[in-house]
Amino acid sequence: MTTNESSVDRIIRLVIGIAAFVAAFAVGFSSVGGIVLAVVGVVMLATAAVGFCPLYRVFGISTCKVPQHQ
């Protein structure tokens, strides 16, 4: 797995993951919406932690800057 997320992308994912968890606690885990929000939070936090997004790989996207060789 190579990193395909930039620092800004990882920070945005971290914020969205935390917000999804807060919303999941507010809605409650006994509802479908709460479970969906919790899963979204886990996925966002995991991808932010490792710096790799499988969907980016599938679609050929990379927000990580590639070093230029001189």
N, C-alpha and C. Protein backbone atom coordinates (compact mmCIF):
# COMPACT_ATOMS: atom_id res chain seq x y z
N MET A 1 0.84 -1.18 0.00
CA MET A 1 0.00 0.00 0.00
C MET A 1 0.88 1.24 0.00
N THR A 2 0.74 2.05 -1.01
CA THR A 2 1.45 3.31 -1.05
C THR A 2 0.49 4.42 -0.65
N THR A 3 1.02 5.43 -0.04
CA THR A 3 0.20 6.55 0.40
C THR A 3 -0.39 7.26 -0.81
N ASN A 4 -1.69 7.50 -0.78
CA ASN A 4 -2.33 8.23 -1.88
C ASN A 4 -3.20 9.38 -1.36
N GLU A 5 -2.95 9.82 -0.13
CA GLU A 5 -3.67 10.93 0.47
C GLU A 5 -2.68 12.00 0.92
N SER A 6 -3.02 13.25 0.64
CA SER A 6 -2.18 14.35 1.11
C SER A 6 -2.49 14.64 2.57
N SER A 7 -1.70 15.50 3.18
CA SER A 7 -1.91 15.86 4.58
C SER A 7 -3.26 16.55 4.77
N VAL A 8 -3.62 17.41 3.83
CA VAL A 8 -4.92 18.10 3.91
C VAL A 8 -6.05 17.09 3.81
N ASP A 9 -5.94 16.15 2.91
CA ASP A 9 -6.95 15.11 2.75
C ASP A 9 -7.10 14.30 4.04
N ARG A 10 -6.00 13.97 4.66
CA ARG A 10 -6.04 13.19 5.90
C ARG A 10 -6.68 13.97 7.04
N ILE A 11 -6.41 15.27 7.11
CA ILE A 11 -7.02 16.11 8.16
C ILE A 11 -8.52 16.22 7.94
N ILE A 12 -8.94 16.40 6.69
CA ILE A 12 -10.37 16.47 6.39
C ILE A 12 -11.06 15.17 6.76
N ARG A 13 -10.43 14.04 6.45
CA ARG A 13 -10.99 12.74 6.81
C ARG A 13 -11.08 12.58 8.33
N LEU A 14 -10.09 13.06 9.04
CA LEU A 14 -10.10 12.99 10.49
C LEU A 14 -11.26 13.78 11.07
N VAL A 15 -11.47 14.99 10.57
CA VAL A 15 -12.56 15.83 11.05
C VAL A 15 -13.92 15.20 10.72
N ILE A 16 -14.07 14.68 9.50
CA ILE A 16 -15.32 14.03 9.13
C ILE A 16 -15.56 12.78 9.97
N GLY A 17 -14.51 12.02 10.23
CA GLY A 17 -14.65 10.82 11.06
C GLY A 17 -15.09 11.14 12.48
N ILE A 18 -14.50 12.16 13.06
CA ILE A 18 -14.89 12.56 14.42
C ILE A 18 -16.33 13.07 14.42
N ALA A 19 -16.68 13.89 13.43
CA ALA A 19 -18.05 14.41 13.34
C ALA A 19 -19.06 13.28 13.17
N ALA A 20 -18.72 12.27 12.37
CA ALA A 20 -19.62 11.13 12.17
C ALA A 20 -19.82 10.36 13.47
N PHE A 21 -18.75 10.20 14.26
CA PHE A 21 -18.89 9.51 15.54
C PHE A 21 -19.75 10.31 16.52
N VAL A 22 -19.55 11.60 16.56
CA VAL A 22 -20.36 12.45 17.44
C VAL A 22 -21.83 12.36 17.04
N ALA A 23 -22.09 12.40 15.74
CA ALA A 23 -23.46 12.29 15.25
C ALA A 23 -24.03 10.90 15.56
N ALA A 24 -23.22 9.87 15.46
CA ALA A 24 -23.68 8.51 15.76
C ALA A 24 -24.08 8.39 17.23
N PHE A 25 -23.30 9.00 18.12
CA PHE A 25 -23.66 8.98 19.54
C PHE A 25 -24.93 9.78 19.79
N ALA A 26 -25.10 10.90 19.07
CA ALA A 26 -26.29 11.73 19.25
C ALA A 26 -27.54 11.01 18.75
N VAL A 27 -27.43 10.32 17.63
CA VAL A 27 -28.58 9.60 17.06
C VAL A 27 -28.85 8.32 17.84
N GLY A 28 -27.81 7.66 18.25
CA GLY A 28 -27.94 6.41 18.98
C GLY A 28 -27.60 5.24 18.08
N PHE A 29 -26.93 4.26 18.64
CA PHE A 29 -26.48 3.11 17.87
C PHE A 29 -27.59 2.08 17.63
N SER A 30 -28.76 2.30 18.23
CA SER A 30 -29.85 1.35 18.03
C SER A 30 -30.60 1.61 16.73
N SER A 31 -30.32 2.73 16.07
CA SER A 31 -30.98 3.03 14.80
C SER A 31 -30.04 2.75 13.63
N VAL A 32 -30.62 2.59 12.46
CA VAL A 32 -29.82 2.34 11.26
C VAL A 32 -28.91 3.53 10.97
N GLY A 33 -29.45 4.73 11.13
CA GLY A 33 -28.66 5.94 10.89
C GLY A 33 -27.44 6.02 11.79
N GLY A 34 -27.60 5.65 13.04
CA GLY A 34 -26.47 5.66 13.98
C GLY A 34 -25.39 4.67 13.60
N ILE A 35 -25.81 3.50 13.15
CA ILE A 35 -24.85 2.47 12.74
C ILE A 35 -24.11 2.91 11.48
N VAL A 36 -24.84 3.48 10.52
CA VAL A 36 -24.21 3.97 9.29
C VAL A 36 -23.20 5.06 9.61
N LEU A 37 -23.57 5.99 10.46
CA LEU A 37 -22.65 7.06 10.85
C LEU A 37 -21.41 6.50 11.55
N ALA A 38 -21.59 5.51 12.39
CA ALA A 38 -20.45 4.90 13.07
C ALA A 38 -19.51 4.21 12.07
N VAL A 39 -20.07 3.51 11.10
CA VAL A 39 -19.24 2.84 10.08
C VAL A 39 -18.49 3.88 9.25
N VAL A 40 -19.18 4.95 8.86
CA VAL A 40 -18.51 6.03 8.11
C VAL A 40 -17.38 6.61 8.94
N GLY A 41 -17.62 6.81 10.23
CA GLY A 41 -16.59 7.34 11.12
C GLY A 41 -15.38 6.42 11.20
N VAL A 42 -15.60 5.13 11.32
CA VAL A 42 -14.49 4.16 11.40
C VAL A 42 -13.68 4.17 10.11
N VAL A 43 -14.37 4.15 8.97
CA VAL A 43 -13.67 4.13 7.68
C VAL A 43 -12.85 5.40 7.49
N MET A 44 -13.45 6.55 7.80
CA MET A 44 -12.73 7.82 7.64
C MET A 44 -11.52 7.90 8.57
N LEU A 45 -11.67 7.49 9.81
CA LEU A 45 -10.56 7.53 10.75
C LEU A 45 -9.46 6.55 10.35
N ALA A 46 -9.85 5.38 9.88
CA ALA A 46 -8.85 4.38 9.47
C ALA A 46 -8.06 4.85 8.25
N THR A 47 -8.75 5.40 7.25
CA THR A 47 -8.03 5.87 6.07
C THR A 47 -7.17 7.09 6.38
N ALA A 48 -7.62 7.91 7.31
CA ALA A 48 -6.80 9.06 7.73
C ALA A 48 -5.55 8.59 8.46
N ALA A 49 -5.68 7.53 9.24
CA ALA A 49 -4.55 7.04 10.02
C ALA A 49 -3.47 6.40 9.14
N VAL A 50 -3.88 5.65 8.14
CA VAL A 50 -2.90 4.94 7.31
C VAL A 50 -2.49 5.71 6.07
N GLY A 51 -3.28 6.71 5.67
CA GLY A 51 -2.93 7.52 4.49
C GLY A 51 -3.20 6.84 3.17
N PHE A 52 -4.03 5.82 3.18
CA PHE A 52 -4.34 5.07 1.97
C PHE A 52 -5.85 4.91 1.84
N CYS A 53 -6.38 5.24 0.66
CA CYS A 53 -7.80 5.07 0.39
C CYS A 53 -7.97 4.07 -0.75
N PRO A 54 -8.61 2.93 -0.50
CA PRO A 54 -8.80 1.93 -1.55
C PRO A 54 -9.60 2.45 -2.75
N LEU A 55 -10.57 3.32 -2.51
CA LEU A 55 -11.35 3.86 -3.62
C LEU A 55 -10.50 4.77 -4.51
N TYR A 56 -9.56 5.49 -3.92
CA TYR A 56 -8.64 6.30 -4.72
C TYR A 56 -7.85 5.39 -5.65
N ARG A 57 -7.42 4.24 -5.16
CA ARG A 57 -6.65 3.30 -5.98
C ARG A 57 -7.49 2.79 -7.14
N VAL A 58 -8.77 2.45 -6.87
CA VAL A 58 -9.66 1.94 -7.91
C VAL A 58 -9.87 2.97 -9.02
N PHE A 59 -10.05 4.23 -8.63
CA PHE A 59 -10.32 5.29 -9.61
C PHE A 59 -9.06 5.98 -10.11
N GLY A 60 -7.90 5.58 -9.64
CA GLY A 60 -6.64 6.16 -10.10
C GLY A 60 -6.39 7.57 -9.61
N ILE A 61 -6.91 7.89 -8.43
CA ILE A 61 -6.76 9.22 -7.85
C ILE A 61 -5.66 9.20 -6.81
N SER A 62 -4.91 10.29 -6.73
CA SER A 62 -3.93 10.45 -5.67
C SER A 62 -3.82 11.93 -5.35
N THR A 63 -4.03 12.28 -4.09
CA THR A 63 -3.87 13.67 -3.67
C THR A 63 -2.50 13.89 -3.04
N CYS A 64 -1.72 12.83 -2.94
CA CYS A 64 -0.39 12.91 -2.37
C CYS A 64 0.56 13.46 -3.43
N LYS A 65 1.37 14.42 -3.04
CA LYS A 65 2.30 15.01 -3.97
C LYS A 65 3.45 14.06 -4.25
N VAL A 66 3.76 13.89 -5.51
CA VAL A 66 4.85 13.02 -5.92
C VAL A 66 6.13 13.84 -5.98
N PRO A 67 7.20 13.38 -5.33
CA PRO A 67 8.45 14.16 -5.39
C PRO A 67 9.00 14.19 -6.81
N GLN A 68 9.50 15.37 -7.20
CA GLN A 68 10.07 15.55 -8.52
C GLN A 68 11.53 15.16 -8.51
N HIS A 69 11.97 14.32 -9.45
CA HIS A 69 13.38 13.94 -9.57
C HIS A 69 14.10 14.91 -10.48
N GLN A 70 15.29 15.35 -10.06
CA GLN A 70 16.05 16.30 -10.85
C GLN A 70 17.27 15.67 -11.44
